[in-house]
Each structure stands twice: as structure tokens, then as C-alpha cells.
Amino acid sequence: RRVHGGMSHTSELWEDEQIFANQLKSIHHEKPPVSTTSIESIARLAFVQRAFYKHVVMHVEKFARKCRSDHRLTALRIIDAICRKMQKFVKAKLKKHSSSRVRNTYSTQSTW
């Protein structure tokens, strides 16, 4: 069993990917506009599988190519929700690391 990014390559990971793909497919059966909760749940699953971003991108691109014209805006909303969730995560991570760097720099300079 190989571990990549804190996640193991097992059958349960494939199940998560299938759940993500099935949620995208279920949007085809909804009438536009698709609910925000549906979009957020897809974005949450994409965030959980961020180590496998290539698979997530592949599924979202496939959805955007195959969806009907009245779901094109939904595809853009899904992409936007995923990007916002990742951006929020990256900002929080940078903020955490930058505050420790400032603290370390300040303590180093005060000892000079």
C-alpha cells in the first residue's frame, strides 16, 4: 500500500472518486439553477481529494463538455466553488506559516 499526500491508494479512495463522479452526474437530472448545497458538496469532495487534483479536473472537464447548454453555468459555478475552497485553504496555510516566520524573525533580531 503506497501513501501519497497523507492518503493511501486503496479501494476506498476509488469509492470516493466514484462518489464525486456520481454527484456530478446527478446534476444532469436537476433543473437549473442547481442548489448551492449540491455545488458545495461537490466542492467539498474535490477538496478532500485535493491530492488527486488531476482526477478531479478530469471529471469536472468531462462534466462541462457533456452537459446540456442550460447546465454550462452550473459547470462554471462548480469550478468557482472548488477554486474558492482551495484558495481559502491556501490562504489559511500561508497565514499560519507566515506568522511563525515573523515571530522567529523577530526573536532572532531581538537577540542581536
N, C-alpha and C. Protein backbone atom coordinates (compact mmCIF):
# COMPACT_ATOMS: atom_id res chain seq x y z
N ARG A 1 0.83 -1.18 0.00
CA ARG A 1 0.00 0.00 0.00
C ARG A 1 0.88 1.24 0.00
N ARG A 2 0.77 2.09 -1.01
CA ARG A 2 1.55 3.32 -1.10
C ARG A 2 0.75 4.47 -0.52
N VAL A 3 1.45 5.39 0.12
CA VAL A 3 0.79 6.56 0.68
C VAL A 3 1.27 7.78 -0.10
N HIS A 4 0.31 8.63 -0.50
CA HIS A 4 0.64 9.83 -1.26
C HIS A 4 -0.15 10.99 -0.68
N GLY A 5 0.53 11.96 -0.13
CA GLY A 5 -0.15 13.14 0.39
C GLY A 5 -1.05 12.84 1.58
N GLY A 6 -0.69 11.85 2.39
CA GLY A 6 -1.49 11.51 3.55
C GLY A 6 -2.67 10.61 3.23
N MET A 7 -2.84 10.24 1.98
CA MET A 7 -3.95 9.38 1.58
C MET A 7 -3.37 8.11 0.97
N SER A 8 -4.00 6.99 1.26
CA SER A 8 -3.49 5.73 0.74
C SER A 8 -4.20 5.37 -0.56
N HIS A 9 -3.50 4.67 -1.42
CA HIS A 9 -4.07 4.21 -2.69
C HIS A 9 -4.78 2.88 -2.45
N THR A 10 -6.01 2.94 -1.98
CA THR A 10 -6.77 1.73 -1.73
C THR A 10 -8.10 1.82 -2.43
N SER A 11 -8.92 0.79 -2.25
CA SER A 11 -10.23 0.76 -2.91
C SER A 11 -11.15 1.84 -2.37
N GLU A 12 -10.98 2.27 -1.09
CA GLU A 12 -11.85 3.29 -0.54
C GLU A 12 -11.63 4.63 -1.23
N LEU A 13 -10.41 4.88 -1.69
CA LEU A 13 -10.16 6.10 -2.43
C LEU A 13 -10.91 6.08 -3.75
N TRP A 14 -10.91 4.95 -4.42
CA TRP A 14 -11.66 4.83 -5.66
C TRP A 14 -13.14 5.06 -5.43
N GLU A 15 -13.66 4.56 -4.30
CA GLU A 15 -15.06 4.78 -3.96
C GLU A 15 -15.35 6.27 -3.81
N ASP A 16 -14.43 7.01 -3.20
CA ASP A 16 -14.62 8.45 -3.08
C ASP A 16 -14.64 9.12 -4.45
N GLU A 17 -13.79 8.64 -5.32
CA GLU A 17 -13.77 9.20 -6.67
C GLU A 17 -15.07 8.88 -7.40
N GLN A 18 -15.58 7.70 -7.19
CA GLN A 18 -16.86 7.33 -7.80
C GLN A 18 -18.00 8.17 -7.23
N ILE A 19 -17.95 8.44 -5.94
CA ILE A 19 -18.98 9.30 -5.33
C ILE A 19 -18.93 10.68 -5.96
N PHE A 20 -17.72 11.21 -6.16
CA PHE A 20 -17.56 12.53 -6.80
C PHE A 20 -18.14 12.51 -8.21
N ALA A 21 -17.79 11.49 -8.97
CA ALA A 21 -18.28 11.38 -10.35
C ALA A 21 -19.80 11.22 -10.38
N ASN A 22 -20.34 10.45 -9.44
CA ASN A 22 -21.80 10.25 -9.40
C ASN A 22 -22.53 11.52 -9.01
N GLN A 23 -21.94 12.32 -8.13
CA GLN A 23 -22.59 13.59 -7.78
C GLN A 23 -22.61 14.54 -8.97
N LEU A 24 -21.53 14.54 -9.74
CA LEU A 24 -21.53 15.37 -10.96
C LEU A 24 -22.59 14.88 -11.94
N LYS A 25 -22.72 13.56 -12.08
CA LYS A 25 -23.72 13.01 -13.00
C LYS A 25 -25.13 13.29 -12.52
N SER A 26 -25.35 13.33 -11.22
CA SER A 26 -26.69 13.57 -10.69
C SER A 26 -27.19 14.98 -10.99
N ILE A 27 -26.28 15.88 -11.25
CA ILE A 27 -26.69 17.26 -11.58
C ILE A 27 -27.43 17.29 -12.92
N HIS A 28 -27.12 16.36 -13.80
CA HIS A 28 -27.81 16.31 -15.09
C HIS A 28 -29.32 16.15 -14.92
N HIS A 29 -29.73 15.52 -13.82
CA HIS A 29 -31.15 15.26 -13.59
C HIS A 29 -31.85 16.41 -12.88
N GLU A 30 -31.09 17.37 -12.37
CA GLU A 30 -31.69 18.53 -11.70
C GLU A 30 -31.99 19.61 -12.71
N LYS A 31 -33.02 20.37 -12.41
CA LYS A 31 -33.34 21.51 -13.26
C LYS A 31 -32.49 22.70 -12.82
N PRO A 32 -32.00 23.47 -13.79
CA PRO A 32 -31.22 24.66 -13.42
C PRO A 32 -32.14 25.70 -12.79
N PRO A 33 -31.72 26.49 -11.89
CA PRO A 33 -30.39 26.52 -11.28
C PRO A 33 -30.24 25.42 -10.25
N VAL A 34 -29.07 24.85 -10.19
CA VAL A 34 -28.75 23.77 -9.26
C VAL A 34 -28.53 24.40 -7.89
N SER A 35 -28.94 23.71 -6.85
CA SER A 35 -28.85 24.25 -5.50
C SER A 35 -27.40 24.46 -5.08
N THR A 36 -27.22 25.43 -4.22
CA THR A 36 -25.90 25.75 -3.72
C THR A 36 -25.35 24.61 -2.88
N THR A 37 -26.22 23.90 -2.18
CA THR A 37 -25.75 22.77 -1.37
C THR A 37 -25.17 21.66 -2.23
N SER A 38 -25.76 21.43 -3.39
CA SER A 38 -25.21 20.42 -4.30
C SER A 38 -23.82 20.83 -4.78
N ILE A 39 -23.67 22.08 -5.12
CA ILE A 39 -22.39 22.58 -5.60
C ILE A 39 -21.35 22.54 -4.48
N GLU A 40 -21.76 22.93 -3.28
CA GLU A 40 -20.84 22.91 -2.14
C GLU A 40 -20.41 21.49 -1.77
N SER A 41 -21.32 20.53 -1.89
CA SER A 41 -20.93 19.15 -1.57
C SER A 41 -19.93 18.62 -2.59
N ILE A 42 -20.09 19.00 -3.84
CA ILE A 42 -19.12 18.61 -4.87
C ILE A 42 -17.77 19.27 -4.59
N ALA A 43 -17.80 20.55 -4.22
CA ALA A 43 -16.56 21.25 -3.91
C ALA A 43 -15.88 20.64 -2.69
N ARG A 44 -16.66 20.22 -1.71
CA ARG A 44 -16.11 19.59 -0.51
C ARG A 44 -15.42 18.27 -0.86
N LEU A 45 -16.06 17.48 -1.70
CA LEU A 45 -15.45 16.22 -2.13
C LEU A 45 -14.17 16.47 -2.92
N ALA A 46 -14.19 17.48 -3.76
CA ALA A 46 -12.99 17.83 -4.54
C ALA A 46 -11.86 18.25 -3.60
N PHE A 47 -12.22 18.99 -2.55
CA PHE A 47 -11.22 19.43 -1.58
C PHE A 47 -10.62 18.25 -0.84
N VAL A 48 -11.44 17.30 -0.48
CA VAL A 48 -10.96 16.11 0.22
C VAL A 48 -9.99 15.33 -0.67
N GLN A 49 -10.23 15.33 -1.96
CA GLN A 49 -9.37 14.60 -2.91
C GLN A 49 -8.34 15.52 -3.56
N ARG A 50 -7.92 16.56 -2.87
CA ARG A 50 -7.00 17.53 -3.47
C ARG A 50 -5.67 16.91 -3.87
N ALA A 51 -5.28 15.82 -3.24
CA ALA A 51 -4.04 15.14 -3.63
C ALA A 51 -4.17 14.54 -5.03
N PHE A 52 -5.41 14.29 -5.44
CA PHE A 52 -5.68 13.71 -6.75
C PHE A 52 -6.38 14.74 -7.64
N TYR A 53 -5.82 15.94 -7.66
CA TYR A 53 -6.44 17.04 -8.38
C TYR A 53 -6.60 16.76 -9.87
N LYS A 54 -5.71 15.96 -10.44
CA LYS A 54 -5.83 15.65 -11.87
C LYS A 54 -7.11 14.88 -12.16
N HIS A 55 -7.47 13.98 -11.27
CA HIS A 55 -8.72 13.23 -11.44
C HIS A 55 -9.93 14.14 -11.28
N VAL A 56 -9.86 15.04 -10.30
CA VAL A 56 -10.96 15.98 -10.08
C VAL A 56 -11.15 16.86 -11.31
N VAL A 57 -10.05 17.39 -11.83
CA VAL A 57 -10.11 18.25 -13.02
C VAL A 57 -10.68 17.46 -14.20
N MET A 58 -10.26 16.22 -14.35
CA MET A 58 -10.75 15.40 -15.45
C MET A 58 -12.26 15.23 -15.36
N HIS A 59 -12.78 14.94 -14.17
CA HIS A 59 -14.22 14.74 -14.00
C HIS A 59 -15.00 16.03 -14.25
N VAL A 60 -14.49 17.14 -13.76
CA VAL A 60 -15.19 18.41 -13.95
C VAL A 60 -15.16 18.83 -15.43
N GLU A 61 -14.02 18.64 -16.09
CA GLU A 61 -13.95 18.94 -17.53
C GLU A 61 -14.90 18.06 -18.33
N LYS A 62 -14.95 16.79 -17.98
CA LYS A 62 -15.86 15.87 -18.66
C LYS A 62 -17.31 16.31 -18.46
N PHE A 63 -17.65 16.73 -17.24
CA PHE A 63 -18.99 17.23 -16.98
C PHE A 63 -19.28 18.47 -17.82
N ALA A 64 -18.33 19.40 -17.87
CA ALA A 64 -18.53 20.65 -18.61
C ALA A 64 -18.69 20.38 -20.11
N ARG A 65 -17.96 19.40 -20.65
CA ARG A 65 -18.07 19.08 -22.07
C ARG A 65 -19.39 18.40 -22.40
N LYS A 66 -19.84 17.50 -21.53
CA LYS A 66 -21.00 16.68 -21.85
C LYS A 66 -22.33 17.26 -21.38
N CYS A 67 -22.31 18.29 -20.55
CA CYS A 67 -23.57 18.80 -20.02
C CYS A 67 -24.35 19.57 -21.08
N ARG A 68 -25.64 19.64 -20.84
CA ARG A 68 -26.50 20.41 -21.75
C ARG A 68 -26.19 21.89 -21.61
N SER A 69 -26.63 22.66 -22.56
CA SER A 69 -26.31 24.09 -22.56
C SER A 69 -26.88 24.82 -21.35
N ASP A 70 -28.00 24.33 -20.81
CA ASP A 70 -28.56 25.02 -19.65
C ASP A 70 -27.81 24.69 -18.35
N HIS A 71 -26.86 23.76 -18.40
CA HIS A 71 -26.03 23.45 -17.24
C HIS A 71 -24.62 24.00 -17.37
N ARG A 72 -24.34 24.77 -18.39
CA ARG A 72 -22.97 25.33 -18.56
C ARG A 72 -22.63 26.28 -17.42
N LEU A 73 -23.59 27.07 -17.01
CA LEU A 73 -23.35 27.98 -15.89
C LEU A 73 -23.10 27.20 -14.61
N THR A 74 -23.79 26.09 -14.45
CA THR A 74 -23.57 25.23 -13.28
C THR A 74 -22.14 24.71 -13.27
N ALA A 75 -21.63 24.33 -14.42
CA ALA A 75 -20.25 23.85 -14.51
C ALA A 75 -19.28 24.95 -14.06
N LEU A 76 -19.54 26.17 -14.47
CA LEU A 76 -18.69 27.29 -14.04
C LEU A 76 -18.81 27.54 -12.54
N ARG A 77 -20.02 27.38 -12.00
CA ARG A 77 -20.22 27.56 -10.56
C ARG A 77 -19.48 26.49 -9.77
N ILE A 78 -19.43 25.28 -10.30
CA ILE A 78 -18.70 24.19 -9.63
C ILE A 78 -17.21 24.50 -9.63
N ILE A 79 -16.68 24.93 -10.76
CA ILE A 79 -15.27 25.28 -10.86
C ILE A 79 -14.95 26.42 -9.89
N ASP A 80 -15.82 27.42 -9.84
CA ASP A 80 -15.63 28.56 -8.95
C ASP A 80 -15.64 28.11 -7.49
N ALA A 81 -16.57 27.24 -7.12
CA ALA A 81 -16.65 26.77 -5.73
C ALA A 81 -15.41 25.99 -5.33
N ILE A 82 -14.91 25.17 -6.23
CA ILE A 82 -13.70 24.39 -5.93
C ILE A 82 -12.51 25.34 -5.78
N CYS A 83 -12.38 26.30 -6.67
CA CYS A 83 -11.26 27.25 -6.61
C CYS A 83 -11.32 28.09 -5.33
N ARG A 84 -12.52 28.53 -4.96
CA ARG A 84 -12.65 29.33 -3.73
C ARG A 84 -12.28 28.51 -2.50
N LYS A 85 -12.70 27.27 -2.46
CA LYS A 85 -12.39 26.41 -1.31
C LYS A 85 -10.88 26.19 -1.21
N MET A 86 -10.23 25.95 -2.34
CA MET A 86 -8.78 25.75 -2.33
C MET A 86 -8.05 27.04 -1.97
N GLN A 87 -8.54 28.16 -2.48
CA GLN A 87 -7.90 29.44 -2.19
C GLN A 87 -8.00 29.75 -0.69
N LYS A 88 -9.13 29.45 -0.09
CA LYS A 88 -9.31 29.67 1.35
C LYS A 88 -8.35 28.79 2.15
N PHE A 89 -8.17 27.56 1.72
CA PHE A 89 -7.24 26.64 2.39
C PHE A 89 -5.81 27.14 2.27
N VAL A 90 -5.41 27.56 1.08
CA VAL A 90 -4.04 28.02 0.86
C VAL A 90 -3.77 29.29 1.67
N LYS A 91 -4.73 30.20 1.72
CA LYS A 91 -4.54 31.43 2.50
C LYS A 91 -4.36 31.12 3.97
N ALA A 92 -5.18 30.21 4.50
CA ALA A 92 -5.07 29.84 5.91
C ALA A 92 -3.72 29.19 6.19
N LYS A 93 -3.27 28.36 5.27
CA LYS A 93 -1.98 27.68 5.44
C LYS A 93 -0.83 28.70 5.39
N LEU A 94 -0.90 29.64 4.46
CA LEU A 94 0.14 30.67 4.36
C LEU A 94 0.14 31.56 5.58
N LYS A 95 -1.05 31.89 6.06
CA LYS A 95 -1.15 32.76 7.24
C LYS A 95 -0.52 32.07 8.44
N LYS A 96 -0.76 30.79 8.59
CA LYS A 96 -0.20 30.03 9.71
C LYS A 96 1.33 30.04 9.63
N HIS A 97 1.86 29.77 8.45
CA HIS A 97 3.32 29.71 8.30
C HIS A 97 3.96 31.09 8.36
N SER A 98 3.31 32.10 7.81
CA SER A 98 3.91 33.43 7.82
C SER A 98 3.97 34.00 9.22
N SER A 99 2.98 33.73 10.07
CA SER A 99 3.01 34.25 11.43
C SER A 99 4.15 33.64 12.22
N SER A 100 4.45 32.37 12.00
CA SER A 100 5.57 31.74 12.71
C SER A 100 6.90 32.29 12.19
N ARG A 101 6.97 32.58 10.91
CA ARG A 101 8.22 33.16 10.36
C ARG A 101 8.46 34.55 10.92
N VAL A 102 7.40 35.35 11.02
CA VAL A 102 7.55 36.70 11.57
C VAL A 102 8.00 36.60 13.02
N ARG A 103 7.39 35.70 13.77
CA ARG A 103 7.75 35.51 15.17
C ARG A 103 9.21 35.08 15.30
N ASN A 104 9.64 34.14 14.46
CA ASN A 104 11.03 33.67 14.50
C ASN A 104 12.00 34.76 14.09
N THR A 105 11.64 35.54 13.10
CA THR A 105 12.49 36.64 12.65
C THR A 105 12.62 37.69 13.75
N TYR A 106 11.51 38.01 14.39
CA TYR A 106 11.52 39.00 15.46
C TYR A 106 12.38 38.53 16.62
N SER A 107 12.24 37.26 17.01
CA SER A 107 13.03 36.75 18.13
C SER A 107 14.52 36.68 17.77
N THR A 108 14.83 36.40 16.52
CA THR A 108 16.22 36.37 16.08
C THR A 108 16.82 37.75 16.09
N GLN A 109 16.07 38.75 15.61
CA GLN A 109 16.59 40.13 15.57
C GLN A 109 16.72 40.73 16.96
N SER A 110 15.86 40.33 17.88
CA SER A 110 15.94 40.92 19.22
C SER A 110 17.14 40.41 19.99
N THR A 111 17.70 39.28 19.56
CA THR A 111 18.89 38.75 20.25
C THR A 111 20.18 39.38 19.73
N TRP A 112 20.12 40.12 18.67
CA TRP A 112 21.34 40.73 18.11
C TRP A 112 21.78 41.83 18.98
